Amino acid sequence: MLIALLSGASRSRVALSVKRGSVSVNGAPVKPSRCLEEGDVLEFELPPAELLVARPEPIALTIAYEDDDLLVVDKPAGMVTHPARSVRSGTLVNAVLDHVESELPGNALRPGLVHRLDRDTSGLIVLAKHEESLRRLGAAMKARRIRREYLGLVRGVPPNPHGTVTGPIGRDPRNRIKFAIVADGKPAITHYELREAFSEHAELVFTLETGRTHQIRVHLAAAGHPILNDPMYGRKEERFDLPGQALHAWRLAFRHPRTGAQLEFEAAPPAAYRRARAIVAALPS
């Protein structure tokens, strides 16, 4: 849509302007299907962008650790990490804001977040409670001093019991809601180790050197071993009651941002993951 291109506004804001009669060509209101011709004069007035703010919501949380500086939460699969225009409530951030009963540092929609997890990826995530903790934990993440390990079920069994998948990740040029290995993407490195092999699947332990969006999912799909039940990079299978991919942020280790003490956490996979694992383990050879 030309107005969106010219103004940088979202298509929804432009559509609202058209509906309100705030878009005209040659002085007359137009429909969205109106095509411009040479010499036409386009005029438009856009409604102000809606300000999105994360607000506290009373949502139960599984707390793995908490002190005055930080909070480690075991996020359930199916929960979005932070609000966005598409999901404005029910997120981990909404729940944490209610739990701490105070403001958190950082971005208004991502307060306290040191890193993120995909909606359907369960497991451990750390949030900072004040500016200094966020600064120090953010620096540790950037310097790769926060160790994150994931458990995942994949289709097929990799030929090597351990290895590394590399490839720069960016937006998929054919589908902008997906990510892919692309030449102009950001560098990404995923290490894996075979935990157990089954007849048609395997359980792997993943360690990240970088934290790109959908990194494990993109890398393993490119390697020919997509994460089980991944609706975006593999395929959804009705026999599993998982909300999405069988991926769990299993372990998290880092130094405390104030005391320097080594902190290590481990969260068992949720019941749905364990049931999916039992199904693939029971398949005949």
C-alpha atoms as a PDB file:
ATOM      1  CA  MET A   1       0.000   0.000   0.000  1.00  0.00           C
ATOM      2  CA  LEU A   2       1.514   3.301  -1.146  1.00  0.00           C
ATOM      3  CA  ILE A   3       0.514   5.301   1.938  1.00  0.00           C
ATOM      4  CA  ALA A   4       2.134   2.753   4.238  1.00  0.00           C
ATOM      5  CA  LEU A   5       5.280   2.953   2.122  1.00  0.00           C
ATOM      6  CA  LEU A   6       5.325   6.760   2.126  1.00  0.00           C
ATOM      7  CA  SER A   7       4.509   7.229   5.807  1.00  0.00           C
ATOM      8  CA  GLY A   8       6.079   4.179   7.407  1.00  0.00           C
ATOM      9  CA  ALA A   9       2.748   3.538   9.154  1.00  0.00           C
ATOM     10  CA  SER A  10       1.248   0.080   9.564  1.00  0.00           C
ATOM     11  CA  ARG A  11      -1.330  -1.167   7.072  1.00  0.00           C
ATOM     12  CA  SER A  12      -3.929  -1.273   9.849  1.00  0.00           C
ATOM     13  CA  ARG A  13      -3.466   2.459  10.548  1.00  0.00           C
ATOM     14  CA  VAL A  14      -3.774   3.226   6.844  1.00  0.00           C
ATOM     15  CA  ALA A  15      -6.907   1.065   6.546  1.00  0.00           C
ATOM     16  CA  LEU A  16      -8.453   2.933   9.477  1.00  0.00           C
ATOM     17  CA  SER A  17      -7.733   6.248   7.744  1.00  0.00           C
ATOM     18  CA  VAL A  18      -9.454   5.047   4.576  1.00  0.00           C
ATOM     19  CA  LYS A  19     -12.458   3.849   6.601  1.00  0.00           C
ATOM     20  CA  ARG A  20     -12.721   7.247   8.311  1.00  0.00           C
ATOM     21  CA  GLY A  21     -12.603   9.056   4.972  1.00  0.00           C
ATOM     22  CA  SER A  22      -9.239  10.608   5.767  1.00  0.00           C
ATOM     23  CA  VAL A  23      -7.684   9.539   2.459  1.00  0.00           C
ATOM     24  CA  SER A  24      -8.602  11.391  -0.711  1.00  0.00           C
ATOM     25  CA  VAL A  25      -7.504  11.615  -4.326  1.00  0.00           C
ATOM     26  CA  ASN A  26      -8.132  14.866  -6.133  1.00  0.00           C
ATOM     27  CA  GLY A  27     -10.226  16.031  -3.184  1.00  0.00           C
ATOM     28  CA  ALA A  28     -12.594  13.035  -3.081  1.00  0.00           C
ATOM     29  CA  PRO A  29     -12.613  10.156  -0.556  1.00  0.00           C
ATOM     30  CA  VAL A  30     -11.451   6.859  -2.046  1.00  0.00           C
ATOM     31  CA  LYS A  31     -11.765   3.131  -1.547  1.00  0.00           C
ATOM     32  CA  PRO A  32      -8.688   0.956  -0.806  1.00  0.00           C
ATOM     33  CA  SER A  33      -8.854  -0.468  -4.343  1.00  0.00           C
ATOM     34  CA  ARG A  34      -8.444   2.935  -6.001  1.00  0.00           C
ATOM     35  CA  CYS A  35      -5.444   2.960  -8.355  1.00  0.00           C
ATOM     36  CA  LEU A  36      -3.485   6.173  -8.790  1.00  0.00           C
ATOM     37  CA  GLU A  37      -2.890   7.696 -12.193  1.00  0.00           C
ATOM     38  CA  GLU A  38      -0.364  10.247 -13.338  1.00  0.00           C
ATOM     39  CA  GLY A  39      -1.364  13.702 -12.140  1.00  0.00           C
ATOM     40  CA  ASP A  40      -3.509  12.492  -9.220  1.00  0.00           C
ATOM     41  CA  VAL A  41      -3.141  14.389  -5.954  1.00  0.00           C
ATOM     42  CA  LEU A  42      -3.082  12.080  -2.937  1.00  0.00           C
ATOM     43  CA  GLU A  43      -3.903  13.480   0.493  1.00  0.00           C
ATOM     44  CA  PHE A  44      -4.118  11.554   3.741  1.00  0.00           C
ATOM     45  CA  GLU A  45      -4.261  12.025   7.485  1.00  0.00           C
ATOM     46  CA  LEU A  46      -3.306   9.120   9.727  1.00  0.00           C
ATOM     47  CA  PRO A  47      -4.671   8.427  13.211  1.00  0.00           C
ATOM     48  CA  PRO A  48      -2.046   8.551  15.959  1.00  0.00           C
ATOM     49  CA  ALA A  49      -0.259   5.271  16.575  1.00  0.00           C
ATOM     50  CA  GLU A  50      -1.616   3.407  19.575  1.00  0.00           C
ATOM     51  CA  LEU A  51       0.883   3.375  22.429  1.00  0.00           C
ATOM     52  CA  LEU A  52       1.545  -0.173  23.585  1.00  0.00           C
ATOM     53  CA  VAL A  53       2.550  -0.674  27.196  1.00  0.00           C
ATOM     54  CA  ALA A  54       3.088  -3.917  29.103  1.00  0.00           C
ATOM     55  CA  ARG A  55       0.730  -4.023  32.088  1.00  0.00           C
ATOM     56  CA  PRO A  56       0.645  -6.346  35.115  1.00  0.00           C
ATOM     57  CA  GLU A  57      -1.683  -9.337  34.925  1.00  0.00           C
ATOM     58  CA  PRO A  58      -2.313 -11.949  37.645  1.00  0.00           C
ATOM     59  CA  ILE A  59      -0.956 -15.011  35.819  1.00  0.00           C
ATOM     60  CA  ALA A  60       0.651 -17.939  37.646  1.00  0.00           C
ATOM     61  CA  LEU A  61       4.411 -18.325  37.231  1.00  0.00           C
ATOM     62  CA  THR A  62       6.878 -21.114  37.960  1.00  0.00           C
ATOM     63  CA  ILE A  63       9.791 -19.357  39.665  1.00  0.00           C
ATOM     64  CA  ALA A  64      13.133 -21.184  39.557  1.00  0.00           C
ATOM     65  CA  TYR A  65      15.045 -18.442  41.413  1.00  0.00           C
ATOM     66  CA  GLU A  66      14.507 -14.923  42.664  1.00  0.00           C
ATOM     67  CA  ASP A  67      16.406 -12.289  44.616  1.00  0.00           C
ATOM     68  CA  ASP A  68      16.580  -8.485  44.679  1.00  0.00           C
ATOM     69  CA  ASP A  69      18.502  -8.370  41.396  1.00  0.00           C
ATOM     70  CA  LEU A  70      16.964 -10.938  39.070  1.00  0.00           C
ATOM     71  CA  LEU A  71      14.322 -13.531  38.432  1.00  0.00           C
ATOM     72  CA  VAL A  72      14.576 -16.899  36.638  1.00  0.00           C
ATOM     73  CA  VAL A  73      11.275 -18.275  35.348  1.00  0.00           C
ATOM     74  CA  ASP A  74      10.330 -21.617  33.798  1.00  0.00           C
ATOM     75  CA  LYS A  75       8.114 -20.406  30.934  1.00  0.00           C
ATOM     76  CA  PRO A  76       5.389 -22.777  29.725  1.00  0.00           C
ATOM     77  CA  ALA A  77       5.044 -23.634  26.051  1.00  0.00           C
ATOM     78  CA  GLY A  78       2.311 -21.583  24.428  1.00  0.00           C
ATOM     79  CA  MET A  79       3.091 -18.387  26.358  1.00  0.00           C
ATOM     80  CA  VAL A  80       4.420 -15.406  24.416  1.00  0.00           C
ATOM     81  CA  THR A  81       7.448 -13.802  26.057  1.00  0.00           C
ATOM     82  CA  HIS A  82       6.399 -10.149  25.761  1.00  0.00           C
ATOM     83  CA  PRO A  83       3.530  -8.060  24.362  1.00  0.00           C
ATOM     84  CA  ALA A  84       3.430  -6.965  20.740  1.00  0.00           C
ATOM     85  CA  ARG A  85       0.750  -5.603  18.436  1.00  0.00           C
ATOM     86  CA  SER A  86      -0.457  -9.115  17.671  1.00  0.00           C
ATOM     87  CA  VAL A  87      -0.474 -10.292  21.326  1.00  0.00           C
ATOM     88  CA  ARG A  88      -1.159  -7.637  23.938  1.00  0.00           C
ATOM     89  CA  SER A  89      -1.866  -9.650  27.066  1.00  0.00           C
ATOM     90  CA  GLY A  90      -1.254 -13.005  28.701  1.00  0.00           C
ATOM     91  CA  THR A  91       2.502 -12.847  28.155  1.00  0.00           C
ATOM     92  CA  LEU A  92       5.366 -13.718  30.465  1.00  0.00           C
ATOM     93  CA  VAL A  93       6.177 -10.034  30.944  1.00  0.00           C
ATOM     94  CA  ASN A  94       2.580  -9.278  31.991  1.00  0.00           C
ATOM     95  CA  ALA A  95       2.809 -12.041  34.587  1.00  0.00           C
ATOM     96  CA  VAL A  96       6.234 -10.958  35.880  1.00  0.00           C
ATOM     97  CA  LEU A  97       5.137  -7.331  36.265  1.00  0.00           C
ATOM     98  CA  ASP A  98       2.280  -8.486  38.483  1.00  0.00           C
ATOM     99  CA  HIS A  99       4.572 -10.793  40.441  1.00  0.00           C
ATOM    100  CA  VAL A 100       7.245  -8.195  41.254  1.00  0.00           C
ATOM    101  CA  GLU A 101       4.676  -5.420  41.817  1.00  0.00           C
ATOM    102  CA  SER A 102       7.084  -2.795  40.544  1.00  0.00           C
ATOM    103  CA  GLU A 103       8.530  -1.400  37.340  1.00  0.00           C
ATOM    104  CA  LEU A 104      11.218  -3.315  35.491  1.00  0.00           C
ATOM    105  CA  PRO A 105      14.108  -1.726  33.548  1.00  0.00           C
ATOM    106  CA  GLY A 106      14.501  -1.547  29.802  1.00  0.00           C
ATOM    107  CA  ASN A 107      12.124  -1.369  26.854  1.00  0.00           C
ATOM    108  CA  ALA A 108       8.471  -0.646  27.697  1.00  0.00           C
ATOM    109  CA  LEU A 109       7.282  -3.830  25.961  1.00  0.00           C
ATOM    110  CA  ARG A 110      10.243  -6.002  26.975  1.00  0.00           C
ATOM    111  CA  PRO A 111      11.034  -4.788  30.506  1.00  0.00           C
ATOM    112  CA  GLY A 112      13.647  -6.779  32.341  1.00  0.00           C
ATOM    113  CA  LEU A 113      14.237  -9.268  29.544  1.00  0.00           C
ATOM    114  CA  VAL A 114      17.808 -10.419  29.052  1.00  0.00           C
ATOM    115  CA  HIS A 115      16.839 -12.864  26.303  1.00  0.00           C
ATOM    116  CA  ARG A 116      13.672 -14.367  24.839  1.00  0.00           C
ATOM    117  CA  LEU A 117      12.077 -17.703  24.014  1.00  0.00           C
ATOM    118  CA  ASP A 118       9.719 -18.512  21.162  1.00  0.00           C
ATOM    119  CA  ARG A 119       6.067 -18.811  22.146  1.00  0.00           C
ATOM    120  CA  ASP A 120       5.969 -22.611  21.919  1.00  0.00           C
ATOM    121  CA  THR A 121       9.430 -23.186  23.385  1.00  0.00           C
ATOM    122  CA  SER A 122       9.237 -23.913  27.099  1.00  0.00           C
ATOM    123  CA  GLY A 123      11.922 -23.457  29.732  1.00  0.00           C
ATOM    124  CA  LEU A 124      14.229 -21.137  31.617  1.00  0.00           C
ATOM    125  CA  ILE A 125      14.477 -17.430  31.023  1.00  0.00           C
ATOM    126  CA  VAL A 126      16.164 -14.727  33.126  1.00  0.00           C
ATOM    127  CA  LEU A 127      14.890 -11.200  33.781  1.00  0.00           C
ATOM    128  CA  ALA A 128      16.623  -8.311  35.532  1.00  0.00           C
ATOM    129  CA  LYS A 129      14.900  -6.303  38.253  1.00  0.00           C
ATOM    130  CA  HIS A 130      16.862  -3.056  37.952  1.00  0.00           C
ATOM    131  CA  GLU A 131      18.991  -1.133  35.458  1.00  0.00           C
ATOM    132  CA  GLU A 132      22.397  -2.272  36.710  1.00  0.00           C
ATOM    133  CA  SER A 133      21.427  -5.945  36.631  1.00  0.00           C
ATOM    134  CA  LEU A 134      20.005  -5.562  33.140  1.00  0.00           C
ATOM    135  CA  ARG A 135      23.164  -3.803  31.948  1.00  0.00           C
ATOM    136  CA  ARG A 136      25.492  -6.443  33.394  1.00  0.00           C
ATOM    137  CA  LEU A 137      23.429  -9.430  32.291  1.00  0.00           C
ATOM    138  CA  GLY A 138      23.022  -7.904  28.845  1.00  0.00           C
ATOM    139  CA  ALA A 139      26.794  -7.494  28.593  1.00  0.00           C
ATOM    140  CA  ALA A 140      27.278 -11.101  29.724  1.00  0.00           C
ATOM    141  CA  MET A 141      24.843 -12.287  27.061  1.00  0.00           C
ATOM    142  CA  LYS A 142      26.620 -10.274  24.386  1.00  0.00           C
ATOM    143  CA  ALA A 143      29.986 -11.678  25.511  1.00  0.00           C
ATOM    144  CA  ARG A 144      28.538 -15.228  25.443  1.00  0.00           C
ATOM    145  CA  ARG A 145      29.053 -15.704  29.166  1.00  0.00           C
ATOM    146  CA  ILE A 146      25.481 -16.908  29.728  1.00  0.00           C
ATOM    147  CA  ARG A 147      25.280 -20.615  28.916  1.00  0.00           C
ATOM    148  CA  ARG A 148      21.970 -21.862  27.545  1.00  0.00           C
ATOM    149  CA  GLU A 149      21.221 -25.501  26.830  1.00  0.00           C
ATOM    150  CA  TYR A 150      18.100 -26.794  25.139  1.00  0.00           C
ATOM    151  CA  LEU A 151      16.589 -30.251  24.772  1.00  0.00           C
ATOM    152  CA  GLY A 152      14.897 -31.000  21.485  1.00  0.00           C
ATOM    153  CA  LEU A 153      13.355 -33.905  19.632  1.00  0.00           C
ATOM    154  CA  VAL A 154      14.231 -33.971  15.931  1.00  0.00           C
ATOM    155  CA  ARG A 155      13.189 -36.017  12.930  1.00  0.00           C
ATOM    156  CA  GLY A 156      15.821 -38.534  11.914  1.00  0.00           C
ATOM    157  CA  VAL A 157      19.135 -39.252  13.603  1.00  0.00           C
ATOM    158  CA  PRO A 158      22.149 -37.047  12.762  1.00  0.00           C
ATOM    159  CA  PRO A 159      25.079 -39.071  11.340  1.00  0.00           C
ATOM    160  CA  ASN A 160      27.476 -37.666  13.953  1.00  0.00           C
ATOM    161  CA  PRO A 161      26.837 -37.801  17.714  1.00  0.00           C
ATOM    162  CA  HIS A 162      27.888 -34.176  18.073  1.00  0.00           C
ATOM    163  CA  GLY A 163      28.484 -31.299  15.731  1.00  0.00           C
ATOM    164  CA  THR A 164      27.934 -27.650  14.911  1.00  0.00           C
ATOM    165  CA  VAL A 165      25.483 -26.000  12.539  1.00  0.00           C
ATOM    166  CA  THR A 166      26.404 -22.569  11.250  1.00  0.00           C
ATOM    167  CA  GLY A 167      24.804 -20.183   8.831  1.00  0.00           C
ATOM    168  CA  PRO A 168      23.786 -16.505   8.950  1.00  0.00           C
ATOM    169  CA  ILE A 169      20.117 -16.044   9.823  1.00  0.00           C
ATOM    170  CA  GLY A 170      17.790 -13.343   8.562  1.00  0.00           C
ATOM    171  CA  ARG A 171      14.272 -12.863   7.279  1.00  0.00           C
ATOM    172  CA  ASP A 172      13.176 -15.429   4.713  1.00  0.00           C
ATOM    173  CA  PRO A 173      12.848 -13.427   1.461  1.00  0.00           C
ATOM    174  CA  ARG A 174       9.957 -15.663   0.384  1.00  0.00           C
ATOM    175  CA  ASN A 175       8.006 -15.459   3.646  1.00  0.00           C
ATOM    176  CA  ARG A 176       8.578 -12.483   5.936  1.00  0.00           C
ATOM    177  CA  ILE A 177       7.167 -14.173   9.048  1.00  0.00           C
ATOM    178  CA  LYS A 178       9.844 -16.869   8.806  1.00  0.00           C
ATOM    179  CA  PHE A 179      13.615 -16.823   9.152  1.00  0.00           C
ATOM    180  CA  ALA A 180      16.184 -18.605   7.023  1.00  0.00           C
ATOM    181  CA  ILE A 181      19.886 -18.973   6.350  1.00  0.00           C
ATOM    182  CA  VAL A 182      20.579 -16.023   4.050  1.00  0.00           C
ATOM    183  CA  ALA A 183      23.774 -14.425   2.782  1.00  0.00           C
ATOM    184  CA  ASP A 184      23.124 -11.071   4.466  1.00  0.00           C
ATOM    185  CA  GLY A 185      21.883 -12.550   7.760  1.00  0.00           C
ATOM    186  CA  LYS A 186      23.478 -12.275  11.181  1.00  0.00           C
ATOM    187  CA  PRO A 187      26.097 -14.896  12.123  1.00  0.00           C
ATOM    188  CA  ALA A 188      24.614 -17.839  14.040  1.00  0.00           C
ATOM    189  CA  ILE A 189      26.244 -20.886  15.650  1.00  0.00           C
ATOM    190  CA  THR A 190      24.401 -23.872  17.137  1.00  0.00           C
ATOM    191  CA  HIS A 191      26.195 -26.814  18.761  1.00  0.00           C
ATOM    192  CA  TYR A 192      24.411 -30.118  19.264  1.00  0.00           C
ATOM    193  CA  GLU A 193      25.089 -33.391  21.039  1.00  0.00           C
ATOM    194  CA  LEU A 194      23.153 -36.616  20.690  1.00  0.00           C
ATOM    195  CA  ARG A 195      21.405 -37.499  23.954  1.00  0.00           C
ATOM    196  CA  GLU A 196      19.481 -40.525  22.671  1.00  0.00           C
ATOM    197  CA  ALA A 197      18.742 -42.062  19.275  1.00  0.00           C
ATOM    198  CA  PHE A 198      15.419 -43.702  18.426  1.00  0.00           C
ATOM    199  CA  SER A 199      14.277 -45.522  15.309  1.00  0.00           C
ATOM    200  CA  GLU A 200      13.052 -42.443  13.415  1.00  0.00           C
ATOM    201  CA  HIS A 201      13.949 -39.583  15.738  1.00  0.00           C
ATOM    202  CA  ALA A 202      16.605 -38.360  18.148  1.00  0.00           C
ATOM    203  CA  GLU A 203      16.805 -36.260  21.257  1.00  0.00           C
ATOM    204  CA  LEU A 204      19.574 -33.672  21.078  1.00  0.00           C
ATOM    205  CA  VAL A 205      21.116 -31.197  23.505  1.00  0.00           C
ATOM    206  CA  PHE A 206      21.699 -27.791  21.914  1.00  0.00           C
ATOM    207  CA  THR A 207      24.124 -25.125  23.110  1.00  0.00           C
ATOM    208  CA  LEU A 208      23.901 -21.652  21.584  1.00  0.00           C
ATOM    209  CA  GLU A 209      26.790 -19.320  20.867  1.00  0.00           C
ATOM    210  CA  THR A 210      24.441 -16.741  19.382  1.00  0.00           C
ATOM    211  CA  GLY A 211      20.795 -15.920  20.007  1.00  0.00           C
ATOM    212  CA  ARG A 212      19.083 -15.318  16.684  1.00  0.00           C
ATOM    213  CA  THR A 213      15.317 -15.552  16.340  1.00  0.00           C
ATOM    214  CA  HIS A 214      14.254 -19.187  15.714  1.00  0.00           C
ATOM    215  CA  GLN A 215      17.952 -20.121  15.548  1.00  0.00           C
ATOM    216  CA  ILE A 216      17.770 -23.798  16.558  1.00  0.00           C
ATOM    217  CA  ARG A 217      14.653 -24.354  14.473  1.00  0.00           C
ATOM    218  CA  VAL A 218      16.146 -22.763  11.350  1.00  0.00           C
ATOM    219  CA  HIS A 219      19.529 -24.485  11.683  1.00  0.00           C
ATOM    220  CA  LEU A 220      18.134 -27.956  12.311  1.00  0.00           C
ATOM    221  CA  ALA A 221      15.628 -27.686   9.486  1.00  0.00           C
ATOM    222  CA  ALA A 222      18.456 -26.641   7.162  1.00  0.00           C
ATOM    223  CA  ALA A 223      20.477 -29.639   8.380  1.00  0.00           C
ATOM    224  CA  GLY A 224      17.635 -31.986   7.425  1.00  0.00           C
ATOM    225  CA  HIS A 225      16.544 -32.695  11.006  1.00  0.00           C
ATOM    226  CA  PRO A 226      13.684 -30.302  11.794  1.00  0.00           C
ATOM    227  CA  ILE A 227      12.439 -30.050  15.355  1.00  0.00           C
ATOM    228  CA  LEU A 228       9.568 -32.452  15.933  1.00  0.00           C
ATOM    229  CA  ASN A 229       6.108 -30.940  15.430  1.00  0.00           C
ATOM    230  CA  ASP A 230       7.481 -27.567  14.271  1.00  0.00           C
ATOM    231  CA  PRO A 231       4.604 -26.041  12.275  1.00  0.00           C
ATOM    232  CA  MET A 232       6.811 -23.403  10.632  1.00  0.00           C
ATOM    233  CA  TYR A 233      10.050 -25.215   9.756  1.00  0.00           C
ATOM    234  CA  GLY A 234       8.874 -28.827   9.783  1.00  0.00           C
ATOM    235  CA  ARG A 235       5.352 -30.146  10.041  1.00  0.00           C
ATOM    236  CA  LYS A 236       2.605 -30.307  12.636  1.00  0.00           C
ATOM    237  CA  GLU A 237       1.634 -33.858  13.634  1.00  0.00           C
ATOM    238  CA  GLU A 238      -1.722 -34.552  15.263  1.00  0.00           C
ATOM    239  CA  ARG A 239      -0.436 -37.494  17.292  1.00  0.00           C
ATOM    240  CA  PHE A 240       1.462 -35.093  19.546  1.00  0.00           C
ATOM    241  CA  ASP A 241      -0.420 -32.778  21.902  1.00  0.00           C
ATOM    242  CA  LEU A 242       2.385 -30.214  21.837  1.00  0.00           C
ATOM    243  CA  PRO A 243       1.315 -26.644  20.991  1.00  0.00           C
ATOM    244  CA  GLY A 244       4.274 -26.451  18.611  1.00  0.00           C
ATOM    245  CA  GLN A 245       7.907 -27.547  18.356  1.00  0.00           C
ATOM    246  CA  ALA A 246       9.344 -30.071  20.844  1.00  0.00           C
ATOM    247  CA  LEU A 247      11.997 -27.708  22.198  1.00  0.00           C
ATOM    248  CA  HIS A 248      12.751 -26.913  25.846  1.00  0.00           C
ATOM    249  CA  ALA A 249      15.242 -24.474  27.406  1.00  0.00           C
ATOM    250  CA  TRP A 250      16.678 -27.020  29.810  1.00  0.00           C
ATOM    251  CA  ARG A 251      19.664 -25.431  31.524  1.00  0.00           C
ATOM    252  CA  LEU A 252      20.811 -21.898  32.244  1.00  0.00           C
ATOM    253  CA  ALA A 253      24.103 -20.835  33.843  1.00  0.00           C
ATOM    254  CA  PHE A 254      25.650 -17.403  34.471  1.00  0.00           C
ATOM    255  CA  ARG A 255      27.405 -15.318  37.115  1.00  0.00           C
ATOM    256  CA  HIS A 256      25.272 -13.229  39.397  1.00  0.00           C
ATOM    257  CA  PRO A 257      25.384  -9.628  38.138  1.00  0.00           C
ATOM    258  CA  ARG A 258      26.122  -8.199  41.612  1.00  0.00           C
ATOM    259  CA  THR A 259      27.905 -10.881  43.666  1.00  0.00           C
ATOM    260  CA  GLY A 260      29.684 -12.722  40.870  1.00  0.00           C
ATOM    261  CA  ALA A 261      28.542 -16.090  42.285  1.00  0.00           C
ATOM    262  CA  GLN A 262      28.012 -18.838  39.715  1.00  0.00           C
ATOM    263  CA  LEU A 263      24.322 -19.645  39.279  1.00  0.00           C
ATOM    264  CA  GLU A 264      23.123 -22.810  37.526  1.00  0.00           C
ATOM    265  CA  PHE A 265      19.547 -23.898  36.917  1.00  0.00           C
ATOM    266  CA  GLU A 266      17.859 -26.909  35.360  1.00  0.00           C
ATOM    267  CA  ALA A 267      14.174 -27.376  34.524  1.00  0.00           C
ATOM    268  CA  ALA A 268      12.703 -30.736  33.548  1.00  0.00           C
ATOM    269  CA  PRO A 269      10.771 -30.784  30.258  1.00  0.00           C
ATOM    270  CA  PRO A 270       7.003 -30.347  30.583  1.00  0.00           C
ATOM    271  CA  ALA A 271       4.577 -33.273  30.489  1.00  0.00           C
ATOM    272  CA  ALA A 272       3.629 -32.754  26.831  1.00  0.00           C
ATOM    273  CA  TYR A 273       7.290 -32.972  25.787  1.00  0.00           C
ATOM    274  CA  ARG A 274       7.770 -36.135  27.860  1.00  0.00           C
ATOM    275  CA  ARG A 275       4.712 -37.730  26.252  1.00  0.00           C
ATOM    276  CA  ALA A 276       6.011 -36.881  22.775  1.00  0.00           C
ATOM    277  CA  ARG A 277       9.355 -38.409  23.697  1.00  0.00           C
ATOM    278  CA  ALA A 278       7.627 -41.606  24.874  1.00  0.00           C
ATOM    279  CA  ILE A 279       5.752 -41.853  21.569  1.00  0.00           C
ATOM    280  CA  VAL A 280       8.880 -41.592  19.397  1.00  0.00           C
ATOM    281  CA  ALA A 281      10.784 -43.935  21.727  1.00  0.00           C
ATOM    282  CA  ALA A 282       8.077 -46.583  21.301  1.00  0.00           C
ATOM    283  CA  LEU A 283       8.144 -46.577  17.488  1.00  0.00           C
ATOM    284  CA  PRO A 284       9.400 -49.891  16.075  1.00  0.00           C
ATOM    285  CA  SER A 285      12.819 -50.045  14.435  1.00  0.00           C
END
